[in-house]
Amino acid sequence: MIQIDNAIVSIDVIKENFKCDIKKCRGLCCVYGDAGAPLEKHELRILKKIYPKVKPYLRHEGIITIENEGPYVIDKDKDFVTPIIRGKECAYTVFNNGVAMCGIERAFADKKINFRKPLSCYLYPVRIKKYKDFDAVNYDRWNICEPARVLGNKLKIPVFRFVEDALICKYGKKWIEELKKYASGKPNSGNALIE
């Protein structure tokens, strides 16, 4: 593991490769799981604010779910998450030729909003667990992402490079530069490699 500021990063974030292959996985990360996408507290206000502009991009089932449950809910672990439709896909999921996509991200692409999507989605396959004194930054292996591992290995794209922009959103440019130094074998002495 690597410690950079208050984040402890699994070495797999550097060593493993990943590149979404949407043609093969069909966006199933938006459909499967036991809860919606984890949300940061500041994102709750954003989801409320942007909903009117995102609504035209959503399916009827998603609109009904959001209008009945709200733009976010609390899951069984007492965490804020996006609502899901009948125990399945995220309420913000839309389908294009059988491929699941994010309605929020489509509104962002059309410049209707300036919020891309929840950070947990943007960061995937990196998952961050917050503890009292540090964040644990881990690579999440999910069987539906096997095509992404195959493509990532073929193209030699490390996990951290695949989610670099999202990591910058979370921790800043200085933090990602330090992670890159670790990846290249030239870390700053101010941070630590934890065996």
C-alpha atoms as a PDB file:
ATOM      1  CA  MET A   1       0.000   0.000   0.000  1.00  0.00           C
ATOM      2  CA  ILE A   2       1.009   3.599  -0.538  1.00  0.00           C
ATOM      3  CA  GLN A   3       0.176   6.532   1.712  1.00  0.00           C
ATOM      4  CA  ILE A   4      -0.314   9.914   0.070  1.00  0.00           C
ATOM      5  CA  ASP A   5      -1.533  12.558   2.483  1.00  0.00           C
ATOM      6  CA  ASN A   6      -4.577  11.067   4.239  1.00  0.00           C
ATOM      7  CA  ALA A   7      -5.184   8.360   1.606  1.00  0.00           C
ATOM      8  CA  ILE A   8      -3.869   4.817   1.755  1.00  0.00           C
ATOM      9  CA  VAL A   9      -3.805   3.441  -1.779  1.00  0.00           C
ATOM     10  CA  SER A  10      -3.785  -0.248  -2.649  1.00  0.00           C
ATOM     11  CA  ILE A  11      -0.834  -1.154  -4.877  1.00  0.00           C
ATOM     12  CA  ASP A  12      -3.365  -2.774  -7.236  1.00  0.00           C
ATOM     13  CA  VAL A  13      -4.473   0.718  -8.267  1.00  0.00           C
ATOM     14  CA  ILE A  14      -1.024   1.052  -9.878  1.00  0.00           C
ATOM     15  CA  LYS A  15      -0.235  -2.556 -10.833  1.00  0.00           C
ATOM     16  CA  GLU A  16      -3.558  -3.710 -12.351  1.00  0.00           C
ATOM     17  CA  ASN A  17      -4.884  -2.588 -15.747  1.00  0.00           C
ATOM     18  CA  PHE A  18      -8.401  -1.497 -16.679  1.00  0.00           C
ATOM     19  CA  LYS A  19     -10.238   0.148 -19.582  1.00  0.00           C
ATOM     20  CA  CYS A  20     -14.022  -0.003 -19.886  1.00  0.00           C
ATOM     21  CA  ASP A  21     -15.165  -1.982 -22.905  1.00  0.00           C
ATOM     22  CA  ILE A  22     -18.767  -0.790 -23.059  1.00  0.00           C
ATOM     23  CA  LYS A  23     -19.508  -2.780 -26.218  1.00  0.00           C
ATOM     24  CA  LYS A  24     -18.842  -5.986 -24.310  1.00  0.00           C
ATOM     25  CA  CYS A  25     -20.041  -5.234 -20.774  1.00  0.00           C
ATOM     26  CA  ARG A  26     -23.122  -3.245 -21.972  1.00  0.00           C
ATOM     27  CA  GLY A  27     -22.836  -0.884 -18.964  1.00  0.00           C
ATOM     28  CA  LEU A  28     -23.970  -3.524 -16.482  1.00  0.00           C
ATOM     29  CA  CYS A  29     -22.388  -1.638 -13.553  1.00  0.00           C
ATOM     30  CA  CYS A  30     -25.408   0.714 -13.784  1.00  0.00           C
ATOM     31  CA  VAL A  31     -27.790  -2.242 -13.569  1.00  0.00           C
ATOM     32  CA  TYR A  32     -26.398  -4.720 -11.040  1.00  0.00           C
ATOM     33  CA  GLY A  33     -25.573  -4.355  -7.370  1.00  0.00           C
ATOM     34  CA  ASP A  34     -27.421  -4.365  -4.078  1.00  0.00           C
ATOM     35  CA  ALA A  35     -27.831  -0.574  -3.893  1.00  0.00           C
ATOM     36  CA  GLY A  36     -27.510   2.556  -5.995  1.00  0.00           C
ATOM     37  CA  ALA A  37     -24.317   4.508  -6.550  1.00  0.00           C
ATOM     38  CA  PRO A  38     -22.672   5.770  -3.328  1.00  0.00           C
ATOM     39  CA  LEU A  39     -22.921   9.543  -2.956  1.00  0.00           C
ATOM     40  CA  GLU A  40     -20.753  12.187  -1.319  1.00  0.00           C
ATOM     41  CA  LYS A  41     -22.661  14.512   1.015  1.00  0.00           C
ATOM     42  CA  HIS A  42     -22.139  17.563  -1.207  1.00  0.00           C
ATOM     43  CA  GLU A  43     -23.637  15.611  -4.132  1.00  0.00           C
ATOM     44  CA  LEU A  44     -27.032  15.388  -2.415  1.00  0.00           C
ATOM     45  CA  ARG A  45     -27.667  19.103  -2.911  1.00  0.00           C
ATOM     46  CA  ILE A  46     -26.367  18.889  -6.489  1.00  0.00           C
ATOM     47  CA  LEU A  47     -28.730  16.029  -7.401  1.00  0.00           C
ATOM     48  CA  LYS A  48     -31.713  18.002  -6.081  1.00  0.00           C
ATOM     49  CA  LYS A  49     -30.662  21.086  -8.022  1.00  0.00           C
ATOM     50  CA  ILE A  50     -29.942  19.402 -11.375  1.00  0.00           C
ATOM     51  CA  TYR A  51     -32.911  17.025 -11.415  1.00  0.00           C
ATOM     52  CA  PRO A  52     -35.188  19.296 -13.522  1.00  0.00           C
ATOM     53  CA  LYS A  53     -32.496  19.473 -16.233  1.00  0.00           C
ATOM     54  CA  VAL A  54     -31.698  15.750 -16.043  1.00  0.00           C
ATOM     55  CA  LYS A  55     -35.343  14.625 -16.027  1.00  0.00           C
ATOM     56  CA  PRO A  56     -35.838  14.914 -19.827  1.00  0.00           C
ATOM     57  CA  TYR A  57     -33.004  12.393 -20.306  1.00  0.00           C
ATOM     58  CA  LEU A  58     -34.505   9.763 -17.997  1.00  0.00           C
ATOM     59  CA  ARG A  59     -36.853   6.852 -18.625  1.00  0.00           C
ATOM     60  CA  HIS A  60     -40.371   6.904 -17.254  1.00  0.00           C
ATOM     61  CA  GLU A  61     -39.479   4.264 -14.613  1.00  0.00           C
ATOM     62  CA  GLY A  62     -36.547   6.356 -13.402  1.00  0.00           C
ATOM     63  CA  ILE A  63     -38.637   9.520 -13.173  1.00  0.00           C
ATOM     64  CA  ILE A  64     -41.358   7.743 -11.178  1.00  0.00           C
ATOM     65  CA  THR A  65     -38.758   6.249  -8.814  1.00  0.00           C
ATOM     66  CA  ILE A  66     -36.993   9.577  -8.234  1.00  0.00           C
ATOM     67  CA  GLU A  67     -40.245  11.476  -7.770  1.00  0.00           C
ATOM     68  CA  ASN A  68     -41.530   8.879  -5.288  1.00  0.00           C
ATOM     69  CA  GLU A  69     -38.272   8.305  -3.353  1.00  0.00           C
ATOM     70  CA  GLY A  70     -36.274  11.466  -3.988  1.00  0.00           C
ATOM     71  CA  PRO A  71     -33.058  12.095  -5.949  1.00  0.00           C
ATOM     72  CA  TYR A  72     -31.148  10.022  -3.364  1.00  0.00           C
ATOM     73  CA  VAL A  73     -31.985   7.508  -0.649  1.00  0.00           C
ATOM     74  CA  ILE A  74     -30.344   5.927   2.405  1.00  0.00           C
ATOM     75  CA  ASP A  75     -29.355   2.280   1.947  1.00  0.00           C
ATOM     76  CA  LYS A  76     -29.266  -0.568   4.491  1.00  0.00           C
ATOM     77  CA  ASP A  77     -25.757   0.511   5.583  1.00  0.00           C
ATOM     78  CA  LYS A  78     -27.062   4.028   6.322  1.00  0.00           C
ATOM     79  CA  ASP A  79     -25.157   5.518   3.368  1.00  0.00           C
ATOM     80  CA  PHE A  80     -26.557   7.945   0.796  1.00  0.00           C
ATOM     81  CA  VAL A  81     -27.004   6.331  -2.638  1.00  0.00           C
ATOM     82  CA  THR A  82     -28.922   6.900  -5.860  1.00  0.00           C
ATOM     83  CA  PRO A  83     -32.373   5.272  -5.876  1.00  0.00           C
ATOM     84  CA  ILE A  84     -32.817   2.041  -7.827  1.00  0.00           C
ATOM     85  CA  ILE A  85     -35.758   0.827  -9.898  1.00  0.00           C
ATOM     86  CA  ARG A  86     -37.482  -2.234  -8.393  1.00  0.00           C
ATOM     87  CA  GLY A  87     -34.256  -3.491  -6.815  1.00  0.00           C
ATOM     88  CA  LYS A  88     -32.323  -3.347 -10.068  1.00  0.00           C
ATOM     89  CA  GLU A  89     -30.809  -0.514 -12.117  1.00  0.00           C
ATOM     90  CA  CYS A  90     -29.999   2.992 -10.919  1.00  0.00           C
ATOM     91  CA  ALA A  91     -32.929   5.365 -11.455  1.00  0.00           C
ATOM     92  CA  TYR A  92     -30.640   7.618 -13.520  1.00  0.00           C
ATOM     93  CA  THR A  93     -29.853   4.792 -15.973  1.00  0.00           C
ATOM     94  CA  VAL A  94     -30.963   5.099 -19.574  1.00  0.00           C
ATOM     95  CA  PHE A  95     -30.514   2.559 -22.351  1.00  0.00           C
ATOM     96  CA  ASN A  96     -29.190   3.147 -25.848  1.00  0.00           C
ATOM     97  CA  ASN A  97     -29.280   0.085 -28.127  1.00  0.00           C
ATOM     98  CA  GLY A  98     -29.271  -2.166 -25.079  1.00  0.00           C
ATOM     99  CA  VAL A  99     -26.300  -0.407 -23.451  1.00  0.00           C
ATOM    100  CA  ALA A 100     -26.862   1.112 -19.995  1.00  0.00           C
ATOM    101  CA  MET A 101     -25.694   4.707 -19.693  1.00  0.00           C
ATOM    102  CA  CYS A 102     -26.004   7.524 -17.183  1.00  0.00           C
ATOM    103  CA  GLY A 103     -28.744  10.079 -17.823  1.00  0.00           C
ATOM    104  CA  ILE A 104     -26.851  12.593 -15.704  1.00  0.00           C
ATOM    105  CA  GLU A 105     -23.764  12.165 -17.869  1.00  0.00           C
ATOM    106  CA  ARG A 106     -25.826  12.576 -21.039  1.00  0.00           C
ATOM    107  CA  ALA A 107     -27.170  15.910 -19.732  1.00  0.00           C
ATOM    108  CA  PHE A 108     -23.575  16.882 -18.892  1.00  0.00           C
ATOM    109  CA  ALA A 109     -22.408  15.949 -22.417  1.00  0.00           C
ATOM    110  CA  ASP A 110     -25.149  18.178 -23.841  1.00  0.00           C
ATOM    111  CA  LYS A 111     -23.920  21.025 -21.582  1.00  0.00           C
ATOM    112  CA  LYS A 112     -27.240  21.237 -19.734  1.00  0.00           C
ATOM    113  CA  ILE A 113     -25.474  20.816 -16.370  1.00  0.00           C
ATOM    114  CA  ASN A 114     -21.884  21.104 -15.119  1.00  0.00           C
ATOM    115  CA  PHE A 115     -21.964  17.978 -12.917  1.00  0.00           C
ATOM    116  CA  ARG A 116     -20.678  14.919 -14.778  1.00  0.00           C
ATOM    117  CA  LYS A 117     -22.038  12.134 -12.535  1.00  0.00           C
ATOM    118  CA  PRO A 118     -21.599  10.895  -8.959  1.00  0.00           C
ATOM    119  CA  LEU A 119     -17.923  10.642  -8.065  1.00  0.00           C
ATOM    120  CA  SER A 120     -18.277   6.977  -7.106  1.00  0.00           C
ATOM    121  CA  CYS A 121     -19.350   6.215 -10.708  1.00  0.00           C
ATOM    122  CA  TYR A 122     -16.646   8.414 -12.195  1.00  0.00           C
ATOM    123  CA  LEU A 123     -14.009   6.693 -10.030  1.00  0.00           C
ATOM    124  CA  TYR A 124     -15.079   3.127 -10.760  1.00  0.00           C
ATOM    125  CA  PRO A 125     -13.337   0.594 -10.531  1.00  0.00           C
ATOM    126  CA  VAL A 126     -11.679   2.532  -7.705  1.00  0.00           C
ATOM    127  CA  ARG A 127     -13.662   2.518  -4.479  1.00  0.00           C
ATOM    128  CA  ILE A 128     -12.896   4.823  -1.559  1.00  0.00           C
ATOM    129  CA  LYS A 129     -13.842   3.889   1.987  1.00  0.00           C
ATOM    130  CA  LYS A 130     -13.649   6.683   4.514  1.00  0.00           C
ATOM    131  CA  TYR A 131     -12.298   5.967   7.984  1.00  0.00           C
ATOM    132  CA  LYS A 132     -11.825   8.394  10.859  1.00  0.00           C
ATOM    133  CA  ASP A 133      -8.204   9.258  10.043  1.00  0.00           C
ATOM    134  CA  PHE A 134      -7.745   8.174   6.424  1.00  0.00           C
ATOM    135  CA  ASP A 135      -9.330   7.106   3.146  1.00  0.00           C
ATOM    136  CA  ALA A 136      -8.740   3.567   1.844  1.00  0.00           C
ATOM    137  CA  VAL A 137      -8.382   3.731  -1.942  1.00  0.00           C
ATOM    138  CA  ASN A 138      -8.895   0.275  -3.457  1.00  0.00           C
ATOM    139  CA  TYR A 139      -9.349  -1.424  -6.807  1.00  0.00           C
ATOM    140  CA  ASP A 140     -12.702  -3.221  -6.898  1.00  0.00           C
ATOM    141  CA  ARG A 141     -12.758  -6.409  -8.963  1.00  0.00           C
ATOM    142  CA  TRP A 142     -16.227  -7.242 -10.264  1.00  0.00           C
ATOM    143  CA  ASN A 143     -16.845 -10.185 -12.589  1.00  0.00           C
ATOM    144  CA  ILE A 144     -18.920  -8.088 -14.998  1.00  0.00           C
ATOM    145  CA  CYS A 145     -15.795  -5.968 -15.619  1.00  0.00           C
ATOM    146  CA  GLU A 146     -13.733  -8.831 -17.052  1.00  0.00           C
ATOM    147  CA  PRO A 147     -13.846  -7.245 -20.554  1.00  0.00           C
ATOM    148  CA  ALA A 148     -12.357  -4.061 -19.014  1.00  0.00           C
ATOM    149  CA  ARG A 149      -9.487  -6.043 -17.507  1.00  0.00           C
ATOM    150  CA  VAL A 150      -8.812  -7.757 -20.836  1.00  0.00           C
ATOM    151  CA  LEU A 151      -8.841  -4.456 -22.742  1.00  0.00           C
ATOM    152  CA  GLY A 152      -6.810  -2.701 -20.037  1.00  0.00           C
ATOM    153  CA  ASN A 153      -4.144  -5.413 -20.216  1.00  0.00           C
ATOM    154  CA  LYS A 154      -4.091  -5.243 -24.000  1.00  0.00           C
ATOM    155  CA  LEU A 155      -3.689  -1.448 -23.973  1.00  0.00           C
ATOM    156  CA  LYS A 156      -1.530  -1.433 -20.786  1.00  0.00           C
ATOM    157  CA  ILE A 157      -3.658   1.189 -19.016  1.00  0.00           C
ATOM    158  CA  PRO A 158      -3.207   1.084 -15.227  1.00  0.00           C
ATOM    159  CA  VAL A 159      -6.337   1.548 -13.120  1.00  0.00           C
ATOM    160  CA  PHE A 160      -5.152   4.923 -11.798  1.00  0.00           C
ATOM    161  CA  ARG A 161      -4.610   6.211 -15.348  1.00  0.00           C
ATOM    162  CA  PHE A 162      -8.102   5.101 -16.375  1.00  0.00           C
ATOM    163  CA  VAL A 163      -9.655   7.110 -13.504  1.00  0.00           C
ATOM    164  CA  GLU A 164      -7.058   9.891 -13.385  1.00  0.00           C
ATOM    165  CA  ASP A 165      -9.535  12.739 -13.960  1.00  0.00           C
ATOM    166  CA  ALA A 166     -11.827  11.391 -11.242  1.00  0.00           C
ATOM    167  CA  LEU A 167      -8.901  11.072  -8.801  1.00  0.00           C
ATOM    168  CA  ILE A 168      -7.989  14.678  -9.567  1.00  0.00           C
ATOM    169  CA  CYS A 169     -11.591  15.681  -8.778  1.00  0.00           C
ATOM    170  CA  LYS A 170     -11.316  13.865  -5.454  1.00  0.00           C
ATOM    171  CA  TYR A 171      -7.761  14.628  -4.311  1.00  0.00           C
ATOM    172  CA  GLY A 172      -6.294  17.271  -6.637  1.00  0.00           C
ATOM    173  CA  LYS A 173      -3.478  17.461  -9.189  1.00  0.00           C
ATOM    174  CA  LYS A 174      -0.663  17.441  -6.645  1.00  0.00           C
ATOM    175  CA  TRP A 175      -1.964  14.168  -5.202  1.00  0.00           C
ATOM    176  CA  ILE A 176      -2.190  12.437  -8.604  1.00  0.00           C
ATOM    177  CA  GLU A 177       1.314  13.633  -9.493  1.00  0.00           C
ATOM    178  CA  GLU A 178       2.595  11.963  -6.333  1.00  0.00           C
ATOM    179  CA  LEU A 179       0.805   8.741  -7.261  1.00  0.00           C
ATOM    180  CA  LYS A 180       2.416   8.903 -10.713  1.00  0.00           C
ATOM    181  CA  LYS A 181       5.820   9.201  -9.047  1.00  0.00           C
ATOM    182  CA  TYR A 182       5.138   5.995  -7.122  1.00  0.00           C
ATOM    183  CA  ALA A 183       4.072   4.300 -10.341  1.00  0.00           C
ATOM    184  CA  SER A 184       7.316   5.341 -12.011  1.00  0.00           C
ATOM    185  CA  GLY A 185       9.398   4.307  -8.973  1.00  0.00           C
ATOM    186  CA  LYS A 186      10.307   7.872  -7.890  1.00  0.00           C
ATOM    187  CA  PRO A 187       8.156   8.713  -4.847  1.00  0.00           C
ATOM    188  CA  ASN A 188       8.497  11.889  -2.808  1.00  0.00           C
ATOM    189  CA  SER A 189      10.080  11.139   0.570  1.00  0.00           C
ATOM    190  CA  GLY A 190       7.242  13.005   2.331  1.00  0.00           C
ATOM    191  CA  ASN A 191       4.842  10.080   1.759  1.00  0.00           C
ATOM    192  CA  ALA A 192       5.239   6.429   2.636  1.00  0.00           C
ATOM    193  CA  LEU A 193       5.194   2.987   1.091  1.00  0.00           C
ATOM    194  CA  ILE A 194       3.447   0.676   3.551  1.00  0.00           C
ATOM    195  CA  GLU A 195       4.407  -2.998   3.367  1.00  0.00           C
END
